[in-house]
Amino acid sequence: MPNYYAWFCQEVHGLGYCDTDDADFFPDVWTKLKEKVHRNRVSLL
């Protein structure tokens, strides 16, 4: 399992465990966002 909270990772994105402890998982977030992304033709590339 990757160590997302290693000091060098936190230096890159500035997020620590306390910032993401209660965050939603991506599949749940994507379910809410995908219709808006497709409807507005937003490119994620």
PDB file of N, CA and C in Angstrom:
ATOM      1  N   MET A   1       0.851  -1.179   0.000  1.00  0.00           N
ATOM      2  CA  MET A   1       0.000   0.000   0.000  1.00  0.00           C
ATOM      3  C   MET A   1       0.897   1.243   0.000  1.00  0.00           C
ATOM      4  N   PRO A   2       0.603   2.202  -0.861  1.00  0.00           N
ATOM      5  CA  PRO A   2       1.411   3.427  -0.912  1.00  0.00           C
ATOM      6  C   PRO A   2       1.276   4.245   0.365  1.00  0.00           C
ATOM      7  N   ASN A   3       2.343   4.894   0.724  1.00  0.00           N
ATOM      8  CA  ASN A   3       2.311   5.773   1.894  1.00  0.00           C
ATOM      9  C   ASN A   3       2.033   7.197   1.421  1.00  0.00           C
ATOM     10  N   TYR A   4       0.765   7.538   1.274  1.00  0.00           N
ATOM     11  CA  TYR A   4       0.366   8.843   0.772  1.00  0.00           C
ATOM     12  C   TYR A   4       0.726   9.972   1.741  1.00  0.00           C
ATOM     13  N   TYR A   5       0.994   9.620   2.972  1.00  0.00           N
ATOM     14  CA  TYR A   5       1.252  10.642   3.978  1.00  0.00           C
ATOM     15  C   TYR A   5       2.719  10.756   4.360  1.00  0.00           C
ATOM     16  N   ALA A   6       3.594  10.177   3.544  1.00  0.00           N
ATOM     17  CA  ALA A   6       5.028  10.345   3.773  1.00  0.00           C
ATOM     18  C   ALA A   6       5.368  11.826   3.642  1.00  0.00           C
ATOM     19  N   TRP A   7       6.394  12.265   4.305  1.00  0.00           N
ATOM     20  CA  TRP A   7       6.723  13.695   4.329  1.00  0.00           C
ATOM     21  C   TRP A   7       6.920  14.263   2.933  1.00  0.00           C
ATOM     22  N   PHE A   8       7.546  13.489   2.023  1.00  0.00           N
ATOM     23  CA  PHE A   8       7.801  14.014   0.680  1.00  0.00           C
ATOM     24  C   PHE A   8       6.507  14.134  -0.125  1.00  0.00           C
ATOM     25  N   CYS A   9       5.538  13.265   0.118  1.00  0.00           N
ATOM     26  CA  CYS A   9       4.240  13.395  -0.555  1.00  0.00           C
ATOM     27  C   CYS A   9       3.511  14.632  -0.044  1.00  0.00           C
ATOM     28  N   GLN A  10       3.591  14.876   1.243  1.00  0.00           N
ATOM     29  CA  GLN A  10       2.946  16.058   1.815  1.00  0.00           C
ATOM     30  C   GLN A  10       3.604  17.335   1.320  1.00  0.00           C
ATOM     31  N   GLU A  11       4.877  17.291   1.029  1.00  0.00           N
ATOM     32  CA  GLU A  11       5.567  18.451   0.465  1.00  0.00           C
ATOM     33  C   GLU A  11       5.041  18.770  -0.937  1.00  0.00           C
ATOM     34  N   VAL A  12       4.664  17.734  -1.695  1.00  0.00           N
ATOM     35  CA  VAL A  12       4.173  17.923  -3.061  1.00  0.00           C
ATOM     36  C   VAL A  12       2.761  18.491  -3.065  1.00  0.00           C
ATOM     37  N   HIS A  13       1.832  17.829  -2.358  1.00  0.00           N
ATOM     38  CA  HIS A  13       0.430  18.245  -2.443  1.00  0.00           C
ATOM     39  C   HIS A  13      -0.070  18.986  -1.215  1.00  0.00           C
ATOM     40  N   GLY A  14       0.694  19.020  -0.155  1.00  0.00           N
ATOM     41  CA  GLY A  14       0.333  19.791   1.025  1.00  0.00           C
ATOM     42  C   GLY A  14      -0.801  19.208   1.856  1.00  0.00           C
ATOM     43  N   LEU A  15      -1.155  17.959   1.596  1.00  0.00           N
ATOM     44  CA  LEU A  15      -2.249  17.342   2.331  1.00  0.00           C
ATOM     45  C   LEU A  15      -1.720  16.301   3.301  1.00  0.00           C
ATOM     46  N   GLY A  16      -2.298  16.287   4.470  1.00  0.00           N
ATOM     47  CA  GLY A  16      -1.949  15.288   5.468  1.00  0.00           C
ATOM     48  C   GLY A  16      -3.163  14.453   5.818  1.00  0.00           C
ATOM     49  N   TYR A  17      -2.976  13.505   6.710  1.00  0.00           N
ATOM     50  CA  TYR A  17      -4.059  12.606   7.097  1.00  0.00           C
ATOM     51  C   TYR A  17      -5.268  13.380   7.605  1.00  0.00           C
ATOM     52  N   CYS A  18      -5.059  14.406   8.398  1.00  0.00           N
ATOM     53  CA  CYS A  18      -6.186  15.161   8.960  1.00  0.00           C
ATOM     54  C   CYS A  18      -6.987  15.877   7.866  1.00  0.00           C
ATOM     55  N   ASP A  19      -6.378  16.129   6.714  1.00  0.00           N
ATOM     56  CA  ASP A  19      -7.074  16.787   5.606  1.00  0.00           C
ATOM     57  C   ASP A  19      -7.974  15.819   4.836  1.00  0.00           C
ATOM     58  N   THR A  20      -7.694  14.539   4.913  1.00  0.00           N
ATOM     59  CA  THR A  20      -8.422  13.561   4.106  1.00  0.00           C
ATOM     60  C   THR A  20      -9.117  12.484   4.930  1.00  0.00           C
ATOM     61  N   ASP A  21      -9.007  12.557   6.223  1.00  0.00           N
ATOM     62  CA  ASP A  21      -9.549  11.527   7.108  1.00  0.00           C
ATOM     63  C   ASP A  21     -11.033  11.261   6.859  1.00  0.00           C
ATOM     64  N   ASP A  22     -11.824  12.290   6.666  1.00  0.00           N
ATOM     65  CA  ASP A  22     -13.260  12.101   6.481  1.00  0.00           C
ATOM     66  C   ASP A  22     -13.729  12.408   5.055  1.00  0.00           C
ATOM     67  N   ALA A  23     -12.800  12.412   4.117  1.00  0.00           N
ATOM     68  CA  ALA A  23     -13.136  12.692   2.720  1.00  0.00           C
ATOM     69  C   ALA A  23     -13.839  11.488   2.086  1.00  0.00           C
ATOM     70  N   ASP A  24     -14.685  11.786   1.107  1.00  0.00           N
ATOM     71  CA  ASP A  24     -15.360  10.723   0.358  1.00  0.00           C
ATOM     72  C   ASP A  24     -14.360   9.976  -0.513  1.00  0.00           C
ATOM     73  N   PHE A  25     -14.687   8.744  -0.835  1.00  0.00           N
ATOM     74  CA  PHE A  25     -13.861   7.954  -1.747  1.00  0.00           C
ATOM     75  C   PHE A  25     -14.166   8.374  -3.180  1.00  0.00           C
ATOM     76  N   PHE A  26     -13.164   8.278  -4.052  1.00  0.00           N
ATOM     77  CA  PHE A  26     -13.317   8.755  -5.420  1.00  0.00           C
ATOM     78  C   PHE A  26     -14.516   8.162  -6.148  1.00  0.00           C
ATOM     79  N   PRO A  27     -14.780   6.854  -6.073  1.00  0.00           N
ATOM     80  CA  PRO A  27     -15.947   6.322  -6.797  1.00  0.00           C
ATOM     81  C   PRO A  27     -17.255   7.013  -6.391  1.00  0.00           C
ATOM     82  N   ASP A  28     -17.391   7.374  -5.133  1.00  0.00           N
ATOM     83  CA  ASP A  28     -18.593   8.075  -4.675  1.00  0.00           C
ATOM     84  C   ASP A  28     -18.653   9.495  -5.227  1.00  0.00           C
ATOM     85  N   VAL A  29     -17.532  10.165  -5.242  1.00  0.00           N
ATOM     86  CA  VAL A  29     -17.462  11.519  -5.779  1.00  0.00           C
ATOM     87  C   VAL A  29     -17.711  11.497  -7.285  1.00  0.00           C
ATOM     88  N   TRP A  30     -17.106  10.555  -7.976  1.00  0.00           N
ATOM     89  CA  TRP A  30     -17.254  10.461  -9.431  1.00  0.00           C
ATOM     90  C   TRP A  30     -18.708  10.223  -9.819  1.00  0.00           C
ATOM     91  N   THR A  31     -19.420   9.426  -9.044  1.00  0.00           N
ATOM     92  CA  THR A  31     -20.831   9.182  -9.318  1.00  0.00           C
ATOM     93  C   THR A  31     -21.603  10.497  -9.344  1.00  0.00           C
ATOM     94  N   LYS A  32     -21.243  11.407  -8.474  1.00  0.00           N
ATOM     95  CA  LYS A  32     -21.919  12.710  -8.409  1.00  0.00           C
ATOM     96  C   LYS A  32     -21.461  13.651  -9.521  1.00  0.00           C
ATOM     97  N   LEU A  33     -20.221  13.546  -9.945  1.00  0.00           N
ATOM     98  CA  LEU A  33     -19.654  14.492 -10.903  1.00  0.00           C
ATOM     99  C   LEU A  33     -19.742  14.091 -12.367  1.00  0.00           C
ATOM    100  N   LYS A  34     -19.793  12.803 -12.663  1.00  0.00           N
ATOM    101  CA  LYS A  34     -19.645  12.359 -14.056  1.00  0.00           C
ATOM    102  C   LYS A  34     -20.709  12.925 -14.982  1.00  0.00           C
ATOM    103  N   GLU A  35     -21.935  13.058 -14.532  1.00  0.00           N
ATOM    104  CA  GLU A  35     -22.977  13.617 -15.393  1.00  0.00           C
ATOM    105  C   GLU A  35     -22.662  15.072 -15.753  1.00  0.00           C
ATOM    106  N   LYS A  36     -22.207  15.858 -14.796  1.00  0.00           N
ATOM    107  CA  LYS A  36     -21.850  17.255 -15.051  1.00  0.00           C
ATOM    108  C   LYS A  36     -20.652  17.349 -15.996  1.00  0.00           C
ATOM    109  N   VAL A  37     -19.686  16.469 -15.807  1.00  0.00           N
ATOM    110  CA  VAL A  37     -18.493  16.486 -16.652  1.00  0.00           C
ATOM    111  C   VAL A  37     -18.869  16.162 -18.093  1.00  0.00           C
ATOM    112  N   HIS A  38     -19.668  15.136 -18.280  1.00  0.00           N
ATOM    113  CA  HIS A  38     -20.064  14.723 -19.625  1.00  0.00           C
ATOM    114  C   HIS A  38     -20.997  15.754 -20.265  1.00  0.00           C
ATOM    115  N   ARG A  39     -21.915  16.295 -19.497  1.00  0.00           N
ATOM    116  CA  ARG A  39     -22.876  17.258 -20.029  1.00  0.00           C
ATOM    117  C   ARG A  39     -22.185  18.539 -20.469  1.00  0.00           C
ATOM    118  N   ASN A  40     -21.190  18.960 -19.712  1.00  0.00           N
ATOM    119  CA  ASN A  40     -20.473  20.209 -20.032  1.00  0.00           C
ATOM    120  C   ASN A  40     -19.252  19.961 -20.902  1.00  0.00           C
ATOM    121  N   ARG A  41     -19.062  18.710 -21.297  1.00  0.00           N
ATOM    122  CA  ARG A  41     -17.936  18.330 -22.175  1.00  0.00           C
ATOM    123  C   ARG A  41     -16.587  18.785 -21.619  1.00  0.00           C
ATOM    124  N   VAL A  42     -16.424  18.576 -20.344  1.00  0.00           N
ATOM    125  CA  VAL A  42     -15.177  18.948 -19.674  1.00  0.00           C
ATOM    126  C   VAL A  42     -14.144  17.859 -19.947  1.00  0.00           C
ATOM    127  N   SER A  43     -12.961  18.272 -20.346  1.00  0.00           N
ATOM    128  CA  SER A  43     -11.883  17.326 -20.577  1.00  0.00           C
ATOM    129  C   SER A  43     -11.071  17.177 -19.309  1.00  0.00           C
ATOM    130  N   LEU A  44     -10.820  15.963 -18.923  1.00  0.00           N
ATOM    131  CA  LEU A  44     -10.017  15.716 -17.731  1.00  0.00           C
ATOM    132  C   LEU A  44      -8.587  15.358 -18.081  1.00  0.00           C
ATOM    133  N   LEU A  45      -8.214  15.543 -19.313  1.00  0.00           N
ATOM    134  CA  LEU A  45      -6.853  15.217 -19.732  1.00  0.00           C
ATOM    135  C   LEU A  45      -5.939  16.403 -19.593  1.00  0.00           C
TER     136      LEU A  45
END
